[in-house]
Structures are given as C-alpha cells and as structure tokens.
Amino acid sequence: MLRTDRLFEIINILRAAKFPLSAASIAAQLEVTPRTVYRYIAMLQSMRIPIEGAVGIGYVMRKGYDLPALNFGEEELESIVVGLGLLARTGDESLQAAARRVLTKIETSKVPANSLRVSDWGIPTPENICLNEMRQAIRQEQKLRIGYHNLAGHMTERTVLPVILTYYIEVVVLSAWCTLRNDFRSFRVDRIVTCDQLPEYFTGEGQALRQRMDAEPRREPSAGKS
C-alpha cells in the first residue's frame, strides 16, 4: 500500500471511531508497526489534520472534520452498497474489512438504512489459508509454496506462480502456473492446507500468464489433473 493510501486509511479509521484508538489498534488494522503509525500521525498533524492525542493515550479525530463526498446518483450508490455487501459471501475477511472502510468514505445517506440486504450465506472463511496473502502474491507477482489435497485425497507440495483468484458461489479457486506439472492448474482453496510466500518473484510475467490462460480451453475448477 502506498504511503498516501495509508494516510488516507488512518483518517478514515479515526473518522469512524467512537472512542480514542491506540497506535497499536490502528497498526493492527493497517498491518504495520505502531512506530509507523506514530510517524504517519505526526505527518497528518503537520498537515493540520485535526487529530488529537498522544503516545500512550490514543488518538481521536476532532468532530466536524470530513472528506469531500463522492458524487454518486441514487442507483449508483445502491449498486455500491449491494456490491460491497456481496463480499460477505466470499469468505475473504480482508476484503470484507476493506468494504466496510470503503463505505465510511462514501456518502450513503441517500440509501435508506437497511433497505438493501445481502445474504451472508456463501463461502466459509478458510481455516488455514490467508486469502489476503494470496491476493498480495498475485499483485506482487510472488511465488507461493502450497500443500494441496487433490480430488483423490493425495497430498502434494507445489511451487506455483499465482495469477487469478476466482470467487465462485461455494468455493474460491486459485489459478496458477504449476512448476511441478509445467502447466496451468486450478486449486480449490478449501483443499490447500499450507501456503507460504517465497522470496522469489515472477515480475512482469503475471499479465502474460493470465492472457495465456484465458486463451486456453476453459477447465472446470474441480476437474483438473492437479
């Protein structure tokens, strides 16, 4: 995440807070260290953002400070509210948290409270796998080492180049170039038992791999020769 994005996130976290937040609490939400939060808070205060508090006490945003509202029409707002609500069905807790942060940045008063509802029935949150780390690896074009149970129940370890994460109704599927099979493979996330980010990257290859995969005949997620 860029520094400007983190500064913006801190502003929105404090705007949404109902009581003072410690640097540790803010750091946990941003996945950074408290020391980094102290530095960002000092930067925001130097820019005259009305943040009050101190180390060891907690921070609050002075009432009355707000960011300019984005100009969306009623149907556009409704589509945003429903679309973000559907993330509750992905099993991806990091995306769900991001959706809640997005809603704090948008003026949604034109949408009557609770008038649009989305069922949270969908994909269970994975117990052993962090979807955020998979999405991060795709963004950074970073190799993963995964332990995978295939359809026959056999366990294998793979080094993969992750390129796509697909959210189906009842399952999430990771599509990747598998170095073991020397081919594209689709892995059901609920069958991945371990997933580690490797210190190896495939920088600049991600988009080309996605184009190659899209050009191949479509495969069913559970029917591959993984």
C-alpha atoms as a PDB file:
ATOM      1  CA  MET A   1       0.000   0.000   0.000  1.00  0.00           C
ATOM      2  CA  LEU A   2       1.342   3.468  -0.890  1.00  0.00           C
ATOM      3  CA  ARG A   3       2.095   5.938   1.882  1.00  0.00           C
ATOM      4  CA  THR A   4      -0.670   8.287   0.726  1.00  0.00           C
ATOM      5  CA  ASP A   5      -3.126   5.373   0.891  1.00  0.00           C
ATOM      6  CA  ARG A   6      -2.088   4.609   4.467  1.00  0.00           C
ATOM      7  CA  LEU A   7      -2.518   8.247   5.474  1.00  0.00           C
ATOM      8  CA  PHE A   8      -5.980   8.217   3.936  1.00  0.00           C
ATOM      9  CA  GLU A   9      -6.825   4.984   5.763  1.00  0.00           C
ATOM     10  CA  ILE A  10      -5.758   6.446   9.115  1.00  0.00           C
ATOM     11  CA  ILE A  11      -8.036   9.439   8.543  1.00  0.00           C
ATOM     12  CA  ASN A  12     -10.982   7.163   7.816  1.00  0.00           C
ATOM     13  CA  ILE A  13     -10.254   4.824  10.728  1.00  0.00           C
ATOM     14  CA  LEU A  14     -10.268   7.793  13.112  1.00  0.00           C
ATOM     15  CA  ARG A  15     -13.367   9.310  11.486  1.00  0.00           C
ATOM     16  CA  ALA A  16     -15.270   6.063  12.075  1.00  0.00           C
ATOM     17  CA  ALA A  17     -14.003   5.536  15.654  1.00  0.00           C
ATOM     18  CA  LYS A  18     -16.327   6.272  18.574  1.00  0.00           C
ATOM     19  CA  PHE A  19     -13.516   6.456  21.140  1.00  0.00           C
ATOM     20  CA  PRO A  20      -9.734   7.113  21.164  1.00  0.00           C
ATOM     21  CA  LEU A  21      -7.685   4.499  19.340  1.00  0.00           C
ATOM     22  CA  SER A  22      -4.203   3.454  20.343  1.00  0.00           C
ATOM     23  CA  ALA A  23      -1.397   3.304  17.812  1.00  0.00           C
ATOM     24  CA  ALA A  24      -1.339  -0.473  18.287  1.00  0.00           C
ATOM     25  CA  SER A  25      -5.038  -0.719  17.371  1.00  0.00           C
ATOM     26  CA  ILE A  26      -4.567   1.374  14.229  1.00  0.00           C
ATOM     27  CA  ALA A  27      -1.420  -0.573  13.335  1.00  0.00           C
ATOM     28  CA  ALA A  28      -3.310  -3.874  13.563  1.00  0.00           C
ATOM     29  CA  GLN A  29      -5.914  -2.645  11.066  1.00  0.00           C
ATOM     30  CA  LEU A  30      -3.262  -1.397   8.628  1.00  0.00           C
ATOM     31  CA  GLU A  31      -0.927  -4.366   9.185  1.00  0.00           C
ATOM     32  CA  VAL A  32       2.006  -2.087  10.043  1.00  0.00           C
ATOM     33  CA  THR A  33       4.002  -1.417  13.218  1.00  0.00           C
ATOM     34  CA  PRO A  34       2.921   1.095  15.898  1.00  0.00           C
ATOM     35  CA  ARG A  35       6.125   3.040  15.158  1.00  0.00           C
ATOM     36  CA  THR A  36       4.900   3.506  11.584  1.00  0.00           C
ATOM     37  CA  VAL A  37       1.548   4.771  12.876  1.00  0.00           C
ATOM     38  CA  TYR A  38       3.308   7.316  15.126  1.00  0.00           C
ATOM     39  CA  ARG A  39       5.185   8.614  12.094  1.00  0.00           C
ATOM     40  CA  TYR A  40       2.058   8.854   9.945  1.00  0.00           C
ATOM     41  CA  ILE A  41       0.084  10.573  12.713  1.00  0.00           C
ATOM     42  CA  ALA A  42       2.853  13.161  13.047  1.00  0.00           C
ATOM     43  CA  MET A  43       2.759  13.721   9.280  1.00  0.00           C
ATOM     44  CA  LEU A  44      -1.013  14.209   9.308  1.00  0.00           C
ATOM     45  CA  GLN A  45      -0.824  16.591  12.254  1.00  0.00           C
ATOM     46  CA  SER A  46       1.875  18.585  10.443  1.00  0.00           C
ATOM     47  CA  MET A  47      -0.606  18.925   7.550  1.00  0.00           C
ATOM     48  CA  ARG A  48      -3.127  20.402  10.025  1.00  0.00           C
ATOM     49  CA  ILE A  49      -5.407  17.382  10.006  1.00  0.00           C
ATOM     50  CA  PRO A  50      -7.284  17.762  13.348  1.00  0.00           C
ATOM     51  CA  ILE A  51      -6.011  14.609  15.062  1.00  0.00           C
ATOM     52  CA  GLU A  52      -5.716  14.923  18.820  1.00  0.00           C
ATOM     53  CA  GLY A  53      -3.971  12.639  21.299  1.00  0.00           C
ATOM     54  CA  ALA A  54      -0.529  11.386  22.123  1.00  0.00           C
ATOM     55  CA  VAL A  55       1.619   8.282  22.523  1.00  0.00           C
ATOM     56  CA  GLY A  56       0.230   6.055  25.272  1.00  0.00           C
ATOM     57  CA  ILE A  57      -3.135   7.833  25.347  1.00  0.00           C
ATOM     58  CA  GLY A  58      -4.766   7.258  21.985  1.00  0.00           C
ATOM     59  CA  TYR A  59      -5.882   9.343  19.048  1.00  0.00           C
ATOM     60  CA  VAL A  60      -9.187  10.898  18.010  1.00  0.00           C
ATOM     61  CA  MET A  61     -10.339  12.941  15.037  1.00  0.00           C
ATOM     62  CA  ARG A  62     -11.817  16.291  16.026  1.00  0.00           C
ATOM     63  CA  LYS A  63     -15.540  16.433  15.307  1.00  0.00           C
ATOM     64  CA  GLY A  64     -16.596  18.296  12.199  1.00  0.00           C
ATOM     65  CA  TYR A  65     -13.704  17.185  10.005  1.00  0.00           C
ATOM     66  CA  ASP A  66     -14.812  15.343   6.902  1.00  0.00           C
ATOM     67  CA  LEU A  67     -13.605  14.415   3.457  1.00  0.00           C
ATOM     68  CA  PRO A  68     -15.418  15.634   0.349  1.00  0.00           C
ATOM     69  CA  ALA A  69     -18.301  13.341  -0.560  1.00  0.00           C
ATOM     70  CA  LEU A  70     -18.092  11.474  -3.830  1.00  0.00           C
ATOM     71  CA  ASN A  71     -20.877  12.419  -6.200  1.00  0.00           C
ATOM     72  CA  PHE A  72     -22.885   9.280  -6.977  1.00  0.00           C
ATOM     73  CA  GLY A  73     -26.510   9.016  -8.078  1.00  0.00           C
ATOM     74  CA  GLU A  74     -29.059   7.007  -6.091  1.00  0.00           C
ATOM     75  CA  GLU A  75     -28.828   3.871  -8.245  1.00  0.00           C
ATOM     76  CA  GLU A  76     -25.032   4.125  -8.319  1.00  0.00           C
ATOM     77  CA  LEU A  77     -24.984   4.254  -4.515  1.00  0.00           C
ATOM     78  CA  GLU A  78     -27.358   1.292  -4.322  1.00  0.00           C
ATOM     79  CA  SER A  79     -25.127  -0.712  -6.646  1.00  0.00           C
ATOM     80  CA  ILE A  80     -22.101   0.100  -4.458  1.00  0.00           C
ATOM     81  CA  VAL A  81     -23.893  -0.879  -1.236  1.00  0.00           C
ATOM     82  CA  VAL A  82     -25.108  -4.188  -2.710  1.00  0.00           C
ATOM     83  CA  GLY A  83     -21.801  -4.940  -4.418  1.00  0.00           C
ATOM     84  CA  LEU A  84     -19.803  -4.358  -1.261  1.00  0.00           C
ATOM     85  CA  GLY A  85     -22.349  -6.372   0.722  1.00  0.00           C
ATOM     86  CA  LEU A  86     -21.809  -9.348  -1.578  1.00  0.00           C
ATOM     87  CA  LEU A  87     -18.214  -9.532  -0.361  1.00  0.00           C
ATOM     88  CA  ALA A  88     -19.647 -11.066   2.815  1.00  0.00           C
ATOM     89  CA  ARG A  89     -20.253 -14.201   0.697  1.00  0.00           C
ATOM     90  CA  THR A  90     -16.616 -14.623  -0.418  1.00  0.00           C
ATOM     91  CA  GLY A  91     -15.171 -15.872   2.869  1.00  0.00           C
ATOM     92  CA  ASP A  92     -12.395 -13.284   2.431  1.00  0.00           C
ATOM     93  CA  GLU A  93     -12.246 -11.386   5.724  1.00  0.00           C
ATOM     94  CA  SER A  94      -9.699  -8.848   4.462  1.00  0.00           C
ATOM     95  CA  LEU A  95     -11.918  -7.878   1.530  1.00  0.00           C
ATOM     96  CA  GLN A  96     -14.899  -7.626   3.868  1.00  0.00           C
ATOM     97  CA  ALA A  97     -12.972  -5.267   6.153  1.00  0.00           C
ATOM     98  CA  ALA A  98     -11.909  -3.223   3.124  1.00  0.00           C
ATOM     99  CA  ALA A  99     -15.553  -2.988   2.027  1.00  0.00           C
ATOM    100  CA  ARG A 100     -16.516  -1.570   5.418  1.00  0.00           C
ATOM    101  CA  ARG A 101     -13.757   1.019   5.101  1.00  0.00           C
ATOM    102  CA  VAL A 102     -14.977   1.972   1.628  1.00  0.00           C
ATOM    103  CA  LEU A 103     -18.472   2.599   2.968  1.00  0.00           C
ATOM    104  CA  THR A 104     -17.068   5.076   5.501  1.00  0.00           C
ATOM    105  CA  LYS A 105     -15.632   7.076   2.589  1.00  0.00           C
ATOM    106  CA  ILE A 106     -18.897   7.324   0.659  1.00  0.00           C
ATOM    107  CA  GLU A 107     -21.924   9.432   1.492  1.00  0.00           C
ATOM    108  CA  THR A 108     -24.654   6.782   1.604  1.00  0.00           C
ATOM    109  CA  SER A 109     -27.414   8.770   3.306  1.00  0.00           C
ATOM    110  CA  LYS A 110     -29.438   8.665   0.066  1.00  0.00           C
ATOM    111  CA  VAL A 111     -29.866   4.908   0.617  1.00  0.00           C
ATOM    112  CA  PRO A 112     -32.400   4.240   3.426  1.00  0.00           C
ATOM    113  CA  ALA A 113     -30.791   2.316   6.273  1.00  0.00           C
ATOM    114  CA  ASN A 114     -31.187  -1.471   5.922  1.00  0.00           C
ATOM    115  CA  SER A 115     -33.331  -1.079   2.786  1.00  0.00           C
ATOM    116  CA  LEU A 116     -30.944  -3.243   0.753  1.00  0.00           C
ATOM    117  CA  ARG A 117     -29.781  -6.505   2.270  1.00  0.00           C
ATOM    118  CA  VAL A 118     -27.403  -9.185   1.078  1.00  0.00           C
ATOM    119  CA  SER A 119     -27.376 -12.701   2.494  1.00  0.00           C
ATOM    120  CA  ASP A 120     -24.069 -13.631   4.104  1.00  0.00           C
ATOM    121  CA  TRP A 121     -24.511 -17.284   3.082  1.00  0.00           C
ATOM    122  CA  GLY A 122     -21.642 -18.352   0.905  1.00  0.00           C
ATOM    123  CA  ILE A 123     -18.039 -19.487   1.205  1.00  0.00           C
ATOM    124  CA  PRO A 124     -16.790 -20.332   4.720  1.00  0.00           C
ATOM    125  CA  THR A 125     -13.703 -18.415   5.815  1.00  0.00           C
ATOM    126  CA  PRO A 126     -10.659 -20.676   5.231  1.00  0.00           C
ATOM    127  CA  GLU A 127      -9.215 -22.004   8.487  1.00  0.00           C
ATOM    128  CA  ASN A 128      -5.559 -22.397   7.496  1.00  0.00           C
ATOM    129  CA  ILE A 129      -5.170 -20.112   4.487  1.00  0.00           C
ATOM    130  CA  CYS A 130      -4.984 -16.321   4.311  1.00  0.00           C
ATOM    131  CA  LEU A 131      -6.724 -15.124   1.146  1.00  0.00           C
ATOM    132  CA  ASN A 132      -5.192 -11.691   1.656  1.00  0.00           C
ATOM    133  CA  GLU A 133      -1.712 -13.217   1.290  1.00  0.00           C
ATOM    134  CA  MET A 134      -2.797 -14.927  -1.936  1.00  0.00           C
ATOM    135  CA  ARG A 135      -4.141 -11.681  -3.358  1.00  0.00           C
ATOM    136  CA  GLN A 136      -0.959  -9.934  -2.275  1.00  0.00           C
ATOM    137  CA  ALA A 137       1.165 -12.565  -4.031  1.00  0.00           C
ATOM    138  CA  ILE A 138      -0.849 -12.078  -7.230  1.00  0.00           C
ATOM    139  CA  ARG A 139      -0.362  -8.296  -7.036  1.00  0.00           C
ATOM    140  CA  GLN A 140       3.349  -8.570  -6.307  1.00  0.00           C
ATOM    141  CA  GLU A 141       3.903 -11.463  -8.729  1.00  0.00           C
ATOM    142  CA  GLN A 142       5.412 -13.537  -5.926  1.00  0.00           C
ATOM    143  CA  LYS A 143       5.769 -17.311  -5.973  1.00  0.00           C
ATOM    144  CA  LEU A 144       3.912 -19.482  -3.459  1.00  0.00           C
ATOM    145  CA  ARG A 145       4.638 -22.884  -1.994  1.00  0.00           C
ATOM    146  CA  ILE A 146       1.367 -24.700  -1.315  1.00  0.00           C
ATOM    147  CA  GLY A 147       0.422 -28.048   0.182  1.00  0.00           C
ATOM    148  CA  TYR A 148      -2.580 -29.406  -1.710  1.00  0.00           C
ATOM    149  CA  HIS A 149      -5.009 -32.305  -1.319  1.00  0.00           C
ATOM    150  CA  ASN A 150      -6.248 -33.322  -4.777  1.00  0.00           C
ATOM    151  CA  LEU A 151      -9.553 -34.988  -5.625  1.00  0.00           C
ATOM    152  CA  ALA A 152      -8.182 -38.407  -4.775  1.00  0.00           C
ATOM    153  CA  GLY A 153      -7.049 -37.169  -1.354  1.00  0.00           C
ATOM    154  CA  HIS A 154      -3.326 -37.301  -2.176  1.00  0.00           C
ATOM    155  CA  MET A 155      -1.150 -34.578  -0.660  1.00  0.00           C
ATOM    156  CA  THR A 156       1.432 -32.832  -2.837  1.00  0.00           C
ATOM    157  CA  GLU A 157       3.619 -29.758  -2.437  1.00  0.00           C
ATOM    158  CA  ARG A 158       3.729 -27.308  -5.318  1.00  0.00           C
ATOM    159  CA  THR A 159       5.630 -24.156  -6.209  1.00  0.00           C
ATOM    160  CA  VAL A 160       3.180 -22.010  -8.153  1.00  0.00           C
ATOM    161  CA  LEU A 161       3.001 -18.650  -9.906  1.00  0.00           C
ATOM    162  CA  PRO A 162      -0.404 -17.318  -8.763  1.00  0.00           C
ATOM    163  CA  VAL A 163      -2.299 -15.313 -11.368  1.00  0.00           C
ATOM    164  CA  ILE A 164      -6.062 -15.382 -10.652  1.00  0.00           C
ATOM    165  CA  LEU A 165      -8.300 -15.805  -7.613  1.00  0.00           C
ATOM    166  CA  THR A 166     -11.878 -16.674  -8.584  1.00  0.00           C
ATOM    167  CA  TYR A 167     -14.769 -16.447  -6.119  1.00  0.00           C
ATOM    168  CA  TYR A 168     -17.495 -18.940  -7.004  1.00  0.00           C
ATOM    169  CA  ILE A 169     -20.742 -19.370  -5.022  1.00  0.00           C
ATOM    170  CA  GLU A 170     -19.399 -22.067  -2.710  1.00  0.00           C
ATOM    171  CA  VAL A 171     -15.643 -22.159  -3.279  1.00  0.00           C
ATOM    172  CA  VAL A 172     -12.625 -19.967  -4.019  1.00  0.00           C
ATOM    173  CA  VAL A 173     -10.232 -21.181  -6.716  1.00  0.00           C
ATOM    174  CA  LEU A 174      -6.593 -20.178  -7.169  1.00  0.00           C
ATOM    175  CA  SER A 175      -5.395 -20.401 -10.767  1.00  0.00           C
ATOM    176  CA  ALA A 176      -1.641 -20.583 -11.188  1.00  0.00           C
ATOM    177  CA  TRP A 177       1.255 -21.839 -13.261  1.00  0.00           C
ATOM    178  CA  CYS A 178       2.387 -25.029 -11.526  1.00  0.00           C
ATOM    179  CA  THR A 179       6.115 -25.768 -11.793  1.00  0.00           C
ATOM    180  CA  LEU A 180       5.516 -29.428 -10.858  1.00  0.00           C
ATOM    181  CA  ARG A 181       3.166 -30.032 -13.808  1.00  0.00           C
ATOM    182  CA  ASN A 182       4.733 -27.351 -16.044  1.00  0.00           C
ATOM    183  CA  ASP A 183       1.229 -26.193 -16.896  1.00  0.00           C
ATOM    184  CA  PHE A 184      -1.678 -24.124 -15.596  1.00  0.00           C
ATOM    185  CA  ARG A 185      -3.595 -25.632 -12.714  1.00  0.00           C
ATOM    186  CA  SER A 186      -6.627 -24.597 -10.660  1.00  0.00           C
ATOM    187  CA  PHE A 187      -6.534 -25.255  -6.932  1.00  0.00           C
ATOM    188  CA  ARG A 188      -9.593 -25.169  -4.682  1.00  0.00           C
ATOM    189  CA  VAL A 189      -8.610 -23.046  -1.705  1.00  0.00           C
ATOM    190  CA  ASP A 190     -10.508 -25.315   0.694  1.00  0.00           C
ATOM    191  CA  ARG A 191      -8.100 -28.113  -0.310  1.00  0.00           C
ATOM    192  CA  ILE A 192      -4.963 -26.024   0.234  1.00  0.00           C
ATOM    193  CA  VAL A 193      -3.619 -26.914   3.679  1.00  0.00           C
ATOM    194  CA  THR A 194      -0.457 -24.787   3.688  1.00  0.00           C
ATOM    195  CA  CYS A 195       0.515 -21.666   1.771  1.00  0.00           C
ATOM    196  CA  ASP A 196       3.821 -19.821   2.114  1.00  0.00           C
ATOM    197  CA  GLN A 197       5.108 -16.810   0.244  1.00  0.00           C
ATOM    198  CA  LEU A 198       8.539 -17.487  -1.256  1.00  0.00           C
ATOM    199  CA  PRO A 199      11.378 -14.958  -1.661  1.00  0.00           C
ATOM    200  CA  GLU A 200      11.129 -15.476  -5.426  1.00  0.00           C
ATOM    201  CA  TYR A 201       9.183 -13.360  -7.895  1.00  0.00           C
ATOM    202  CA  PHE A 202       7.984 -13.588 -11.499  1.00  0.00           C
ATOM    203  CA  THR A 203       7.989  -9.843 -12.040  1.00  0.00           C
ATOM    204  CA  GLY A 204       6.430  -8.709 -15.309  1.00  0.00           C
ATOM    205  CA  GLU A 205       5.017 -12.129 -16.210  1.00  0.00           C
ATOM    206  CA  GLY A 206       1.631 -12.029 -14.479  1.00  0.00           C
ATOM    207  CA  GLN A 207      -0.407 -10.371 -17.216  1.00  0.00           C
ATOM    208  CA  ALA A 208       1.119 -12.547 -19.937  1.00  0.00           C
ATOM    209  CA  LEU A 209       0.292 -15.669 -17.929  1.00  0.00           C
ATOM    210  CA  ARG A 210      -3.321 -14.514 -17.496  1.00  0.00           C
ATOM    211  CA  GLN A 211      -3.618 -13.918 -21.232  1.00  0.00           C
ATOM    212  CA  ARG A 212      -2.207 -17.360 -21.989  1.00  0.00           C
ATOM    213  CA  MET A 213      -4.585 -18.969 -19.527  1.00  0.00           C
ATOM    214  CA  ASP A 214      -7.606 -17.120 -20.941  1.00  0.00           C
ATOM    215  CA  ALA A 215      -6.669 -18.303 -24.435  1.00  0.00           C
ATOM    216  CA  GLU A 216      -6.743 -21.959 -23.395  1.00  0.00           C
ATOM    217  CA  PRO A 217      -9.962 -24.058 -23.250  1.00  0.00           C
ATOM    218  CA  ARG A 218     -11.827 -23.387 -20.017  1.00  0.00           C
ATOM    219  CA  ARG A 219     -11.415 -26.029 -17.345  1.00  0.00           C
ATOM    220  CA  GLU A 220     -13.780 -26.871 -14.528  1.00  0.00           C
ATOM    221  CA  PRO A 221     -12.240 -25.917 -11.134  1.00  0.00           C
ATOM    222  CA  SER A 222     -12.530 -29.401  -9.657  1.00  0.00           C
ATOM    223  CA  ALA A 223     -11.810 -31.442 -12.794  1.00  0.00           C
ATOM    224  CA  GLY A 224      -8.184 -30.576 -13.500  1.00  0.00           C
ATOM    225  CA  LYS A 225      -5.277 -33.004 -13.284  1.00  0.00           C
ATOM    226  CA  SER A 226      -3.884 -31.232 -10.227  1.00  0.00           C
END
